[in-house]
């Protein structure tokens, strides 16, 4: 069953940093799931009759990996991962954002990490906008997408003693954005 495209948002919305999150998950040692996030994240949704546009950014050095310090430095600053000294931000810009009346949303856009821009397609859900207790309007967007980290030059790999990769190439990105309508 196909659902009709709708335009639930009008105006501009800014992400509430206390109620939004950006997380990455990959397989570790072939058995575990390693998860990390970013604390310094911004996002903005601008919508009118012509459509909606979502933009966002995360500071690489706000990654939640804290120990051991050598591992954090390797991930944040190392050329094998984010190369944060030369590329301190991860950015995103939507090219298409399609809302359906069943609460689903499809997104096409460009994700830039390490100075490398690649197209991505994500799916998810939306809720709202609703009136909040402070007299404003709030809404939420949730997206998931799976990427291959090699597409952004993140090439670190080691082999397990009996074969297999220490880290998966595939990374699942999960984004939750709680949006607050900008004052008119």
C-alpha atoms as a PDB file:
ATOM      1  CA  UNK A   1       0.000   0.000   0.000  1.00  0.00           C
ATOM      2  CA  UNK A   2       1.348   3.407  -0.968  1.00  0.00           C
ATOM      3  CA  UNK A   3       0.847   6.367   1.307  1.00  0.00           C
ATOM      4  CA  UNK A   4       0.336   9.907   0.120  1.00  0.00           C
ATOM      5  CA  UNK A   5       3.077  12.499   0.409  1.00  0.00           C
ATOM      6  CA  UNK A   6       2.280  15.181   2.956  1.00  0.00           C
ATOM      7  CA  UNK A   7       3.871  18.419   4.173  1.00  0.00           C
ATOM      8  CA  UNK A   8       3.584  18.289   7.989  1.00  0.00           C
ATOM      9  CA  UNK A   9       6.108  21.061   8.589  1.00  0.00           C
ATOM     10  CA  UNK A  10       6.005  24.768   7.818  1.00  0.00           C
ATOM     11  CA  UNK A  11       8.581  27.269   8.924  1.00  0.00           C
ATOM     12  CA  UNK A  12      11.990  26.709  10.488  1.00  0.00           C
ATOM     13  CA  UNK A  13      12.920  24.307  13.263  1.00  0.00           C
ATOM     14  CA  UNK A  14      16.163  23.958  15.208  1.00  0.00           C
ATOM     15  CA  UNK A  15      17.327  20.772  16.929  1.00  0.00           C
ATOM     16  CA  UNK A  16      17.051  20.691  20.714  1.00  0.00           C
ATOM     17  CA  UNK A  17      20.585  19.520  21.626  1.00  0.00           C
ATOM     18  CA  UNK A  18      19.463  18.032  24.950  1.00  0.00           C
ATOM     19  CA  UNK A  19      16.917  15.761  23.272  1.00  0.00           C
ATOM     20  CA  UNK A  20      18.703  14.859  20.022  1.00  0.00           C
ATOM     21  CA  UNK A  21      21.356  12.244  19.306  1.00  0.00           C
ATOM     22  CA  UNK A  22      23.600  10.956  16.547  1.00  0.00           C
ATOM     23  CA  UNK A  23      25.018   7.458  17.013  1.00  0.00           C
ATOM     24  CA  UNK A  24      27.156   4.994  15.073  1.00  0.00           C
ATOM     25  CA  UNK A  25      27.307   1.242  15.558  1.00  0.00           C
ATOM     26  CA  UNK A  26      29.581  -1.407  14.061  1.00  0.00           C
ATOM     27  CA  UNK A  27      30.611  -4.996  14.749  1.00  0.00           C
ATOM     28  CA  UNK A  28      33.678  -5.454  16.973  1.00  0.00           C
ATOM     29  CA  UNK A  29      35.808  -8.620  16.992  1.00  0.00           C
ATOM     30  CA  UNK A  30      33.038 -10.385  15.079  1.00  0.00           C
ATOM     31  CA  UNK A  31      30.887 -10.802  18.198  1.00  0.00           C
ATOM     32  CA  UNK A  32      30.020  -7.464  19.776  1.00  0.00           C
ATOM     33  CA  UNK A  33      28.355  -4.252  18.780  1.00  0.00           C
ATOM     34  CA  UNK A  34      30.457  -1.168  19.376  1.00  0.00           C
ATOM     35  CA  UNK A  35      28.393   2.001  19.756  1.00  0.00           C
ATOM     36  CA  UNK A  36      29.465   5.598  19.990  1.00  0.00           C
ATOM     37  CA  UNK A  37      27.826   8.973  19.623  1.00  0.00           C
ATOM     38  CA  UNK A  38      28.560  12.654  19.245  1.00  0.00           C
ATOM     39  CA  UNK A  39      27.649  15.243  21.871  1.00  0.00           C
ATOM     40  CA  UNK A  40      28.104  18.435  19.836  1.00  0.00           C
ATOM     41  CA  UNK A  41      25.432  18.115  17.139  1.00  0.00           C
ATOM     42  CA  UNK A  42      23.347  20.769  15.382  1.00  0.00           C
ATOM     43  CA  UNK A  43      20.487  20.358  12.898  1.00  0.00           C
ATOM     44  CA  UNK A  44      17.982  22.593  11.178  1.00  0.00           C
ATOM     45  CA  UNK A  45      14.794  21.887   9.217  1.00  0.00           C
ATOM     46  CA  UNK A  46      13.393  24.527   6.892  1.00  0.00           C
ATOM     47  CA  UNK A  47      10.023  23.842   5.305  1.00  0.00           C
ATOM     48  CA  UNK A  48       7.601  25.632   3.032  1.00  0.00           C
ATOM     49  CA  UNK A  49       5.134  24.701   0.299  1.00  0.00           C
ATOM     50  CA  UNK A  50       8.056  23.969  -2.020  1.00  0.00           C
ATOM     51  CA  UNK A  51       9.405  21.233   0.248  1.00  0.00           C
ATOM     52  CA  UNK A  52      11.634  20.651   3.226  1.00  0.00           C
ATOM     53  CA  UNK A  53      15.389  20.840   3.703  1.00  0.00           C
ATOM     54  CA  UNK A  54      17.375  19.278   6.549  1.00  0.00           C
ATOM     55  CA  UNK A  55      20.959  20.247   7.371  1.00  0.00           C
ATOM     56  CA  UNK A  56      23.185  19.190  10.219  1.00  0.00           C
ATOM     57  CA  UNK A  57      26.679  18.888  11.591  1.00  0.00           C
ATOM     58  CA  UNK A  58      28.567  17.116  14.358  1.00  0.00           C
ATOM     59  CA  UNK A  59      31.954  18.018  15.800  1.00  0.00           C
ATOM     60  CA  UNK A  60      34.332  15.063  15.479  1.00  0.00           C
ATOM     61  CA  UNK A  61      36.043  15.827  18.805  1.00  0.00           C
ATOM     62  CA  UNK A  62      32.703  15.470  20.607  1.00  0.00           C
ATOM     63  CA  UNK A  63      32.719  11.694  20.017  1.00  0.00           C
ATOM     64  CA  UNK A  64      31.759   9.836  23.181  1.00  0.00           C
ATOM     65  CA  UNK A  65      34.819   7.565  23.080  1.00  0.00           C
ATOM     66  CA  UNK A  66      36.883   8.590  26.111  1.00  0.00           C
ATOM     67  CA  UNK A  67      39.120   5.639  27.005  1.00  0.00           C
ATOM     68  CA  UNK A  68      41.694   4.599  26.599  1.00  0.00           C
ATOM     69  CA  UNK A  69      43.057   8.017  25.589  1.00  0.00           C
ATOM     70  CA  UNK A  70      45.257   6.460  22.894  1.00  0.00           C
ATOM     71  CA  UNK A  71      42.209   4.877  21.222  1.00  0.00           C
ATOM     72  CA  UNK A  72      40.286   8.167  21.364  1.00  0.00           C
ATOM     73  CA  UNK A  73      43.242  10.005  19.775  1.00  0.00           C
ATOM     74  CA  UNK A  74      43.490   7.356  17.033  1.00  0.00           C
ATOM     75  CA  UNK A  75      39.779   7.623  16.186  1.00  0.00           C
ATOM     76  CA  UNK A  76      39.456  11.426  16.403  1.00  0.00           C
ATOM     77  CA  UNK A  77      42.792  12.540  14.952  1.00  0.00           C
ATOM     78  CA  UNK A  78      44.141   9.497  13.139  1.00  0.00           C
ATOM     79  CA  UNK A  79      44.233   9.280   9.372  1.00  0.00           C
ATOM     80  CA  UNK A  80      42.628   5.791   9.609  1.00  0.00           C
ATOM     81  CA  UNK A  81      39.406   7.266  10.983  1.00  0.00           C
ATOM     82  CA  UNK A  82      38.070  10.850  11.220  1.00  0.00           C
ATOM     83  CA  UNK A  83      41.282  12.871  10.742  1.00  0.00           C
ATOM     84  CA  UNK A  84      39.724  15.498  13.010  1.00  0.00           C
ATOM     85  CA  UNK A  85      42.674  17.901  12.874  1.00  0.00           C
ATOM     86  CA  UNK A  86      42.071  18.431   9.160  1.00  0.00           C
ATOM     87  CA  UNK A  87      38.318  17.728   9.090  1.00  0.00           C
ATOM     88  CA  UNK A  88      36.786  18.765  12.440  1.00  0.00           C
ATOM     89  CA  UNK A  89      33.136  18.368  11.372  1.00  0.00           C
ATOM     90  CA  UNK A  90      30.786  15.830   9.872  1.00  0.00           C
ATOM     91  CA  UNK A  91      28.095  17.562   7.814  1.00  0.00           C
ATOM     92  CA  UNK A  92      24.850  16.578   6.159  1.00  0.00           C
ATOM     93  CA  UNK A  93      22.543  18.285   3.678  1.00  0.00           C
ATOM     94  CA  UNK A  94      19.326  16.787   2.327  1.00  0.00           C
ATOM     95  CA  UNK A  95      18.486  16.833  -1.373  1.00  0.00           C
ATOM     96  CA  UNK A  96      15.037  15.252  -0.951  1.00  0.00           C
ATOM     97  CA  UNK A  97      12.891  14.856   2.147  1.00  0.00           C
ATOM     98  CA  UNK A  98       9.572  13.104   1.589  1.00  0.00           C
ATOM     99  CA  UNK A  99       6.987  12.734   4.342  1.00  0.00           C
ATOM    100  CA  UNK A 100       4.086  10.260   4.092  1.00  0.00           C
ATOM    101  CA  UNK A 101       0.787  10.304   5.930  1.00  0.00           C
ATOM    102  CA  UNK A 102       1.642   7.039   7.725  1.00  0.00           C
ATOM    103  CA  UNK A 103       4.421   8.787   9.681  1.00  0.00           C
ATOM    104  CA  UNK A 104       7.284   7.555   7.527  1.00  0.00           C
ATOM    105  CA  UNK A 105       9.923   9.763   5.962  1.00  0.00           C
ATOM    106  CA  UNK A 106      12.468   9.120   3.198  1.00  0.00           C
ATOM    107  CA  UNK A 107      15.582  11.191   2.824  1.00  0.00           C
ATOM    108  CA  UNK A 108      18.246  11.557   0.156  1.00  0.00           C
ATOM    109  CA  UNK A 109      21.215  13.756   0.828  1.00  0.00           C
ATOM    110  CA  UNK A 110      24.952  14.160   1.060  1.00  0.00           C
ATOM    111  CA  UNK A 111      27.056  13.160   4.062  1.00  0.00           C
ATOM    112  CA  UNK A 112      30.546  14.658   4.315  1.00  0.00           C
ATOM    113  CA  UNK A 113      33.234  13.132   6.537  1.00  0.00           C
ATOM    114  CA  UNK A 114      36.990  13.634   6.238  1.00  0.00           C
ATOM    115  CA  UNK A 115      36.270  16.124   3.443  1.00  0.00           C
ATOM    116  CA  UNK A 116      34.680  13.369   1.340  1.00  0.00           C
ATOM    117  CA  UNK A 117      31.077  13.945   0.245  1.00  0.00           C
ATOM    118  CA  UNK A 118      28.946  10.909  -0.624  1.00  0.00           C
ATOM    119  CA  UNK A 119      25.226  10.465  -1.290  1.00  0.00           C
ATOM    120  CA  UNK A 120      23.140   8.566   1.245  1.00  0.00           C
ATOM    121  CA  UNK A 121      19.530   7.429   1.407  1.00  0.00           C
ATOM    122  CA  UNK A 122      17.891   7.016   4.810  1.00  0.00           C
ATOM    123  CA  UNK A 123      14.447   6.048   5.991  1.00  0.00           C
ATOM    124  CA  UNK A 124      12.673   6.681   9.224  1.00  0.00           C
ATOM    125  CA  UNK A 125       9.718   8.240  10.955  1.00  0.00           C
ATOM    126  CA  UNK A 126       8.486  11.638  12.024  1.00  0.00           C
ATOM    127  CA  UNK A 127       6.165  12.866  14.749  1.00  0.00           C
ATOM    128  CA  UNK A 128       4.455  16.213  15.162  1.00  0.00           C
ATOM    129  CA  UNK A 129       4.613  19.059  15.147  1.00  0.00           C
ATOM    130  CA  UNK A 130       2.708  19.389  18.414  1.00  0.00           C
ATOM    131  CA  UNK A 131       2.237  22.239  20.863  1.00  0.00           C
ATOM    132  CA  UNK A 132       4.676  21.904  23.755  1.00  0.00           C
ATOM    133  CA  UNK A 133       4.204  22.964  27.381  1.00  0.00           C
ATOM    134  CA  UNK A 134       6.210  26.154  26.813  1.00  0.00           C
ATOM    135  CA  UNK A 135       3.877  27.516  24.134  1.00  0.00           C
ATOM    136  CA  UNK A 136       6.049  26.518  21.200  1.00  0.00           C
ATOM    137  CA  UNK A 137       5.905  23.681  18.690  1.00  0.00           C
ATOM    138  CA  UNK A 138       8.014  20.504  18.707  1.00  0.00           C
ATOM    139  CA  UNK A 139       8.534  17.659  16.281  1.00  0.00           C
ATOM    140  CA  UNK A 140      10.885  14.719  15.893  1.00  0.00           C
ATOM    141  CA  UNK A 141      12.682  12.931  13.074  1.00  0.00           C
ATOM    142  CA  UNK A 142      14.289   9.497  13.405  1.00  0.00           C
ATOM    143  CA  UNK A 143      16.490   8.067  10.653  1.00  0.00           C
ATOM    144  CA  UNK A 144      18.690   5.032  10.126  1.00  0.00           C
ATOM    145  CA  UNK A 145      21.114   4.330   7.337  1.00  0.00           C
ATOM    146  CA  UNK A 146      23.884   1.801   6.812  1.00  0.00           C
ATOM    147  CA  UNK A 147      27.118   3.006   5.242  1.00  0.00           C
ATOM    148  CA  UNK A 148      30.483   1.481   4.313  1.00  0.00           C
ATOM    149  CA  UNK A 149      33.117   3.456   6.200  1.00  0.00           C
ATOM    150  CA  UNK A 150      35.667   2.855   3.426  1.00  0.00           C
ATOM    151  CA  UNK A 151      33.585   5.181   1.204  1.00  0.00           C
ATOM    152  CA  UNK A 152      34.787   8.003   3.479  1.00  0.00           C
ATOM    153  CA  UNK A 153      38.408   6.837   3.671  1.00  0.00           C
ATOM    154  CA  UNK A 154      38.132   5.130   7.078  1.00  0.00           C
ATOM    155  CA  UNK A 155      40.369   2.208   6.238  1.00  0.00           C
ATOM    156  CA  UNK A 156      41.720   0.914   9.555  1.00  0.00           C
ATOM    157  CA  UNK A 157      41.434  -2.861   9.791  1.00  0.00           C
ATOM    158  CA  UNK A 158      43.121  -5.732  11.607  1.00  0.00           C
ATOM    159  CA  UNK A 159      42.525  -9.448  11.282  1.00  0.00           C
ATOM    160  CA  UNK A 160      41.402 -11.773  14.053  1.00  0.00           C
ATOM    161  CA  UNK A 161      43.767 -14.683  14.847  1.00  0.00           C
ATOM    162  CA  UNK A 162      41.442 -17.249  13.213  1.00  0.00           C
ATOM    163  CA  UNK A 163      40.301 -14.963  10.407  1.00  0.00           C
ATOM    164  CA  UNK A 164      37.749 -12.233  10.118  1.00  0.00           C
ATOM    165  CA  UNK A 165      37.836  -8.485  10.591  1.00  0.00           C
ATOM    166  CA  UNK A 166      38.302  -6.762  13.941  1.00  0.00           C
ATOM    167  CA  UNK A 167      35.870  -3.999  12.850  1.00  0.00           C
ATOM    168  CA  UNK A 168      33.048  -4.292  10.353  1.00  0.00           C
ATOM    169  CA  UNK A 169      33.190  -2.135   7.260  1.00  0.00           C
ATOM    170  CA  UNK A 170      29.453  -1.596   7.622  1.00  0.00           C
ATOM    171  CA  UNK A 171      28.362   1.119  10.074  1.00  0.00           C
ATOM    172  CA  UNK A 172      24.758   1.779  11.099  1.00  0.00           C
ATOM    173  CA  UNK A 173      24.025   5.460  11.700  1.00  0.00           C
ATOM    174  CA  UNK A 174      21.027   6.330  13.879  1.00  0.00           C
ATOM    175  CA  UNK A 175      19.837   9.911  14.131  1.00  0.00           C
ATOM    176  CA  UNK A 176      17.154  11.224  16.452  1.00  0.00           C
ATOM    177  CA  UNK A 177      16.373  14.915  16.147  1.00  0.00           C
ATOM    178  CA  UNK A 178      13.868  16.649  18.393  1.00  0.00           C
ATOM    179  CA  UNK A 179      13.045  19.921  16.717  1.00  0.00           C
ATOM    180  CA  UNK A 180      11.771  23.178  18.201  1.00  0.00           C
ATOM    181  CA  UNK A 181       9.992  25.678  15.959  1.00  0.00           C
ATOM    182  CA  UNK A 182      11.861  28.959  15.622  1.00  0.00           C
ATOM    183  CA  UNK A 183      10.029  32.021  16.930  1.00  0.00           C
ATOM    184  CA  UNK A 184       8.306  33.916  14.154  1.00  0.00           C
END
